[in-house]
Amino acid sequence: MKKQFQFLATSIITIAFISCSKQSIDLSEHQQMSAEEQTAANKPGGPIIIDPLSVKLDAWFTFNNHLKDATGKLVDGVSIGQPAKYITDRKGNRYSALKPDGSFHVKIFDVPQQTATSISVWVRTADLAQNKGIVSGNTQGLFVVQNPNKYVGGLTLVPPGGISITTALPKDIVNNGWHHIAVTYDGAAMKFYFDGALTASSNLPGSISATLANYIVANGFWKGAVDD
């Protein structure tokens, strides 16, 4: 689970909740670079190397065999049902991605909400026909779900004294491999990024109240894998 990357609302669910626009990030590879390589990489014209813990993340759950927030800002996630299970991640690291198998989901408490926000998450479905939440909150905000054969990024706004408004942007699932999803909102437009490319956007002027929300990873006992 960035704030301007709710598994149904605003994390997580790296998962990452961020306070700036989403950018390509790979901390493990960044940490493995030498000082000389990092200096060279950040020279004009070279690739930009960004430490995700330096860009105002609200939370970052790596799921490296635990449910801790890497930023230290939020309390540990809690597995509801059976104990959380882990699987090899997209890079081949054992026990480094969450493996929801229908026996549990993970609850993340008191995630800060704000209008300029985003969610970033790596996902791999185990069932192309599922209709369940991947990352979702219990109130307004951003979310990522799977409808049959589609990943969906969405936003729910609740105007003062009004009826909630939900907008969803789908992307067909062509295989059950690892895919990166990012959903952003800036108060005027929601954008849906799939594997690094902007695939859809929707104008939706409004604001998200500055409150705290609880999030659920694998809402409805979604089955698959979730990382970062």
Protein backbone atom coordinates (compact mmCIF):
# COMPACT_ATOMS: atom_id res chain seq x y z
CA MET A 1 0.00 0.00 0.00
CA LYS A 2 2.62 7.76 -2.62
CA LYS A 3 0.81 10.77 -1.34
CA GLN A 4 1.07 13.47 -4.10
CA PHE A 5 1.28 5.86 -4.39
CA GLN A 6 -7.96 2.92 0.38
CA PHE A 7 -6.35 -2.29 -0.88
CA LEU A 8 -10.61 -0.59 -1.30
CA ALA A 9 -9.65 3.01 -0.15
CA THR A 10 -6.07 5.56 0.36
CA SER A 11 1.07 2.14 2.36
CA ILE A 12 0.25 -0.02 1.10
CA ILE A 13 0.46 -2.31 0.51
CA THR A 14 5.14 -1.17 -1.26
CA ILE A 15 2.01 -1.38 0.05
CA ALA A 16 3.01 2.29 0.11
CA PHE A 17 1.05 5.37 1.14
CA ILE A 18 3.01 8.40 -0.02
CA SER A 19 3.05 12.20 0.18
CA CYS A 20 4.24 12.97 -3.35
CA SER A 21 3.77 11.72 -6.88
CA LYS A 22 4.68 8.06 -7.52
CA GLN A 23 8.10 7.31 -8.96
CA SER A 24 9.94 4.13 -9.86
CA ILE A 25 11.50 2.78 -6.68
CA ASP A 26 13.55 -0.22 -5.75
CA LEU A 27 15.11 0.13 -2.33
CA SER A 28 16.80 -3.26 -2.19
CA GLU A 29 18.70 -2.60 -5.41
CA HIS A 30 19.44 0.95 -4.28
CA GLN A 31 20.94 -0.32 -1.05
CA GLN A 32 23.14 -2.75 -2.97
CA MET A 33 24.72 0.02 -5.07
CA SER A 34 28.11 1.33 -4.09
CA ALA A 35 28.57 4.98 -3.19
CA GLU A 36 30.38 5.51 -6.50
CA GLU A 37 27.52 3.91 -8.45
CA GLN A 38 24.95 6.04 -6.69
CA THR A 39 26.93 9.19 -7.36
CA ALA A 40 27.28 8.29 -11.03
CA ALA A 41 23.62 7.34 -11.31
CA ASN A 42 22.52 10.71 -9.96
CA LYS A 43 24.66 12.76 -12.33
CA PRO A 44 22.80 14.83 -14.96
CA GLY A 45 21.46 12.50 -17.60
CA GLY A 46 21.72 9.41 -15.38
CA PRO A 47 18.85 7.49 -13.82
CA ILE A 48 17.37 9.06 -10.71
CA ILE A 49 17.78 6.90 -7.61
CA ILE A 50 15.16 7.56 -4.93
CA ASP A 51 15.00 6.15 -1.43
CA PRO A 52 11.26 5.59 -0.83
CA LEU A 53 11.70 6.37 2.85
CA SER A 54 12.74 9.91 1.93
CA VAL A 55 9.61 10.94 0.04
CA LYS A 56 7.10 11.43 2.84
CA LEU A 57 5.60 7.97 2.92
CA ASP A 58 2.70 7.55 5.31
CA ALA A 59 3.50 3.85 5.48
CA TRP A 60 5.46 1.15 3.67
CA PHE A 61 4.71 -2.52 4.19
CA THR A 62 7.41 -4.70 2.65
CA PHE A 63 5.85 -7.98 3.88
CA ASN A 64 9.31 -9.43 4.35
CA ASN A 65 8.06 -12.22 6.62
CA HIS A 66 6.39 -9.64 8.88
CA LEU A 67 3.56 -7.09 9.01
CA LYS A 68 5.60 -4.08 10.12
CA ASP A 69 5.53 -0.61 8.62
CA ALA A 70 9.07 0.16 7.42
CA THR A 71 8.63 3.88 8.15
CA GLY A 72 7.85 3.18 11.81
CA LYS A 73 4.90 5.57 11.73
CA LEU A 74 2.09 3.02 11.98
CA VAL A 75 1.53 0.09 14.30
CA ASP A 76 2.09 -3.42 12.94
CA GLY A 77 -0.61 -4.87 10.72
CA VAL A 78 -2.76 -7.60 12.23
CA SER A 79 -3.64 -10.88 10.54
CA ILE A 80 -7.34 -11.67 10.91
CA GLY A 81 -8.28 -15.35 10.69
CA GLN A 82 -5.19 -17.52 10.39
CA PRO A 83 -1.60 -16.26 10.84
CA ALA A 84 -0.25 -14.41 7.84
CA LYS A 85 1.54 -16.48 5.19
CA TYR A 86 4.41 -15.45 2.95
CA ILE A 87 5.72 -16.45 -0.45
CA THR A 88 8.71 -15.81 -2.73
CA ASP A 89 8.56 -12.27 -4.08
CA ARG A 90 8.95 -11.10 -7.67
CA LYS A 91 12.76 -11.01 -7.29
CA GLY A 92 13.08 -14.56 -6.02
CA ASN A 93 13.47 -13.70 -2.32
CA ARG A 94 11.84 -16.32 -0.08
CA TYR A 95 9.15 -15.26 2.42
CA SER A 96 9.29 -11.68 1.12
CA ALA A 97 5.72 -11.17 -0.13
CA LEU A 98 2.35 -11.65 1.53
CA LYS A 99 0.40 -14.71 0.37
CA PRO A 100 -3.34 -14.32 1.04
CA ASP A 101 -4.83 -17.77 0.45
CA GLY A 102 -8.41 -17.26 1.64
CA SER A 103 -7.62 -18.10 5.27
CA PHE A 104 -6.71 -14.58 6.45
CA HIS A 105 -6.63 -10.89 5.64
CA VAL A 106 -4.47 -8.15 7.10
CA LYS A 107 -5.84 -5.09 8.89
CA ILE A 108 -3.81 -1.88 9.06
CA PHE A 109 -4.95 0.68 11.60
CA ASP A 110 -5.08 4.47 11.63
CA VAL A 111 -3.75 5.31 8.18
CA PRO A 112 -3.75 9.13 7.69
CA GLN A 113 -6.09 10.43 4.98
CA GLN A 114 -5.64 13.57 2.90
CA THR A 115 -6.62 14.89 -0.50
CA ALA A 116 -3.21 14.62 -2.18
CA THR A 117 -2.60 10.90 -1.81
CA SER A 118 -1.73 7.68 -3.58
CA ILE A 119 -1.38 3.90 -3.23
CA SER A 120 1.36 1.78 -4.73
CA VAL A 121 1.31 -2.02 -4.64
CA TRP A 122 2.72 -5.08 -6.39
CA VAL A 123 0.08 -7.79 -6.91
CA ARG A 124 -0.27 -11.26 -8.39
CA THR A 125 -3.69 -12.86 -8.56
CA ALA A 126 -4.28 -16.55 -7.90
CA ASP A 127 -7.72 -16.54 -9.51
CA LEU A 128 -8.65 -14.45 -12.54
CA ALA A 129 -12.36 -14.71 -11.64
CA GLN A 130 -12.20 -13.10 -8.19
CA ASN A 131 -14.38 -10.13 -7.27
CA LYS A 132 -12.73 -8.93 -4.06
CA GLY A 133 -10.65 -6.16 -2.53
CA ILE A 134 -6.87 -6.11 -2.69
CA VAL A 135 -6.26 -2.90 -0.71
CA SER A 136 -9.27 -1.06 0.69
CA GLY A 137 -10.15 1.35 3.45
CA ASN A 138 -13.23 1.62 5.61
CA THR A 139 -14.13 5.16 4.57
CA GLN A 140 -13.45 7.51 1.69
CA GLY A 141 -10.25 7.52 -0.33
CA LEU A 142 -8.36 5.37 -2.83
CA PHE A 143 -8.64 1.61 -3.28
CA VAL A 144 -7.40 -1.28 -5.42
CA VAL A 145 -9.67 -4.26 -6.08
CA GLN A 146 -9.99 -7.17 -8.48
CA ASN A 147 -13.18 -7.63 -10.42
CA PRO A 148 -13.39 -10.69 -12.65
CA ASN A 149 -10.48 -10.48 -15.09
CA LYS A 150 -9.74 -6.84 -14.20
CA TYR A 151 -7.65 -4.90 -11.74
CA VAL A 152 -9.51 -1.77 -10.68
CA GLY A 153 -8.20 1.40 -9.11
CA GLY A 154 -10.80 3.67 -7.60
CA LEU A 155 -11.69 6.59 -5.39
CA THR A 156 -14.61 7.24 -3.04
CA LEU A 157 -15.41 10.80 -2.01
CA VAL A 158 -17.98 11.75 0.62
CA PRO A 159 -19.06 15.40 0.21
CA PRO A 160 -20.12 17.16 3.43
CA GLY A 161 -23.70 16.11 4.08
CA GLY A 162 -23.82 14.38 0.72
CA ILE A 163 -23.92 10.90 -0.79
CA SER A 164 -20.65 9.15 -1.48
CA ILE A 165 -19.32 9.25 -5.03
CA THR A 166 -17.17 6.39 -6.34
CA THR A 167 -15.16 6.34 -9.54
CA ALA A 168 -13.35 3.21 -10.75
CA LEU A 169 -10.79 2.71 -13.52
CA PRO A 170 -10.30 -0.90 -14.77
CA LYS A 171 -7.41 -2.68 -16.46
CA ASP A 172 -7.75 -6.12 -18.05
CA ILE A 173 -5.66 -8.88 -16.47
CA VAL A 174 -3.90 -10.76 -19.24
CA ASN A 175 -1.94 -13.14 -16.99
CA ASN A 176 -1.44 -14.01 -13.33
CA GLY A 177 2.12 -12.72 -13.07
CA TRP A 178 3.38 -9.89 -10.90
CA HIS A 179 2.02 -6.45 -11.80
CA HIS A 180 2.55 -3.00 -10.34
CA ILE A 181 -0.46 -0.81 -9.62
CA ALA A 182 -0.46 2.82 -8.53
CA VAL A 183 -3.50 5.03 -8.01
CA THR A 184 -3.12 8.76 -7.34
CA TYR A 185 -5.44 11.65 -6.52
CA ASP A 186 -4.66 15.37 -6.31
CA GLY A 187 -8.08 16.91 -5.58
CA ALA A 188 -8.96 17.29 -9.24
CA ALA A 189 -8.14 14.03 -11.03
CA MET A 190 -7.57 10.37 -10.22
CA LYS A 191 -4.97 8.50 -12.26
CA PHE A 192 -4.40 4.76 -12.64
CA TYR A 193 -0.94 3.43 -13.49
CA PHE A 194 -0.34 -0.17 -14.51
CA ASP A 195 3.18 -1.57 -14.76
CA GLY A 196 4.57 1.96 -14.85
CA ALA A 197 2.28 3.34 -17.57
CA LEU A 198 -0.64 5.72 -17.14
CA THR A 199 -3.60 3.71 -18.43
CA ALA A 200 -6.60 5.83 -17.39
CA SER A 201 -7.58 9.03 -15.61
CA SER A 202 -10.81 10.61 -14.43
CA ASN A 203 -11.69 14.17 -13.45
CA LEU A 204 -13.22 14.13 -9.97
CA PRO A 205 -12.95 17.46 -8.13
CA GLY A 206 -13.27 17.13 -4.39
CA SER A 207 -11.39 16.60 -1.19
CA ILE A 208 -10.64 13.80 1.26
CA SER A 209 -11.15 14.66 4.92
CA ALA A 210 -8.01 14.65 7.02
CA THR A 211 -8.99 11.68 9.19
CA LEU A 212 -7.62 8.27 10.10
CA ALA A 213 -8.87 5.16 8.33
CA ASN A 214 -8.33 1.43 8.73
CA TYR A 215 -7.26 -0.55 5.68
CA ILE A 216 -7.63 -4.19 4.78
CA VAL A 217 -5.26 -6.16 2.56
CA ALA A 218 -7.03 -9.07 0.83
CA ASN A 219 -10.49 -7.80 1.72
CA GLY A 220 -13.11 -10.51 1.28
CA PHE A 221 -10.23 -13.01 1.55
CA TRP A 222 -8.82 -12.23 -1.88
CA LYS A 223 -6.31 -14.85 -3.02
CA GLY A 224 -2.94 -14.10 -4.54
CA ALA A 225 0.25 -12.33 -3.53
CA VAL A 226 0.95 -8.76 -2.43
CA ASP A 227 4.27 -7.01 -2.02
CA ASP A 228 5.66 -3.59 -1.12
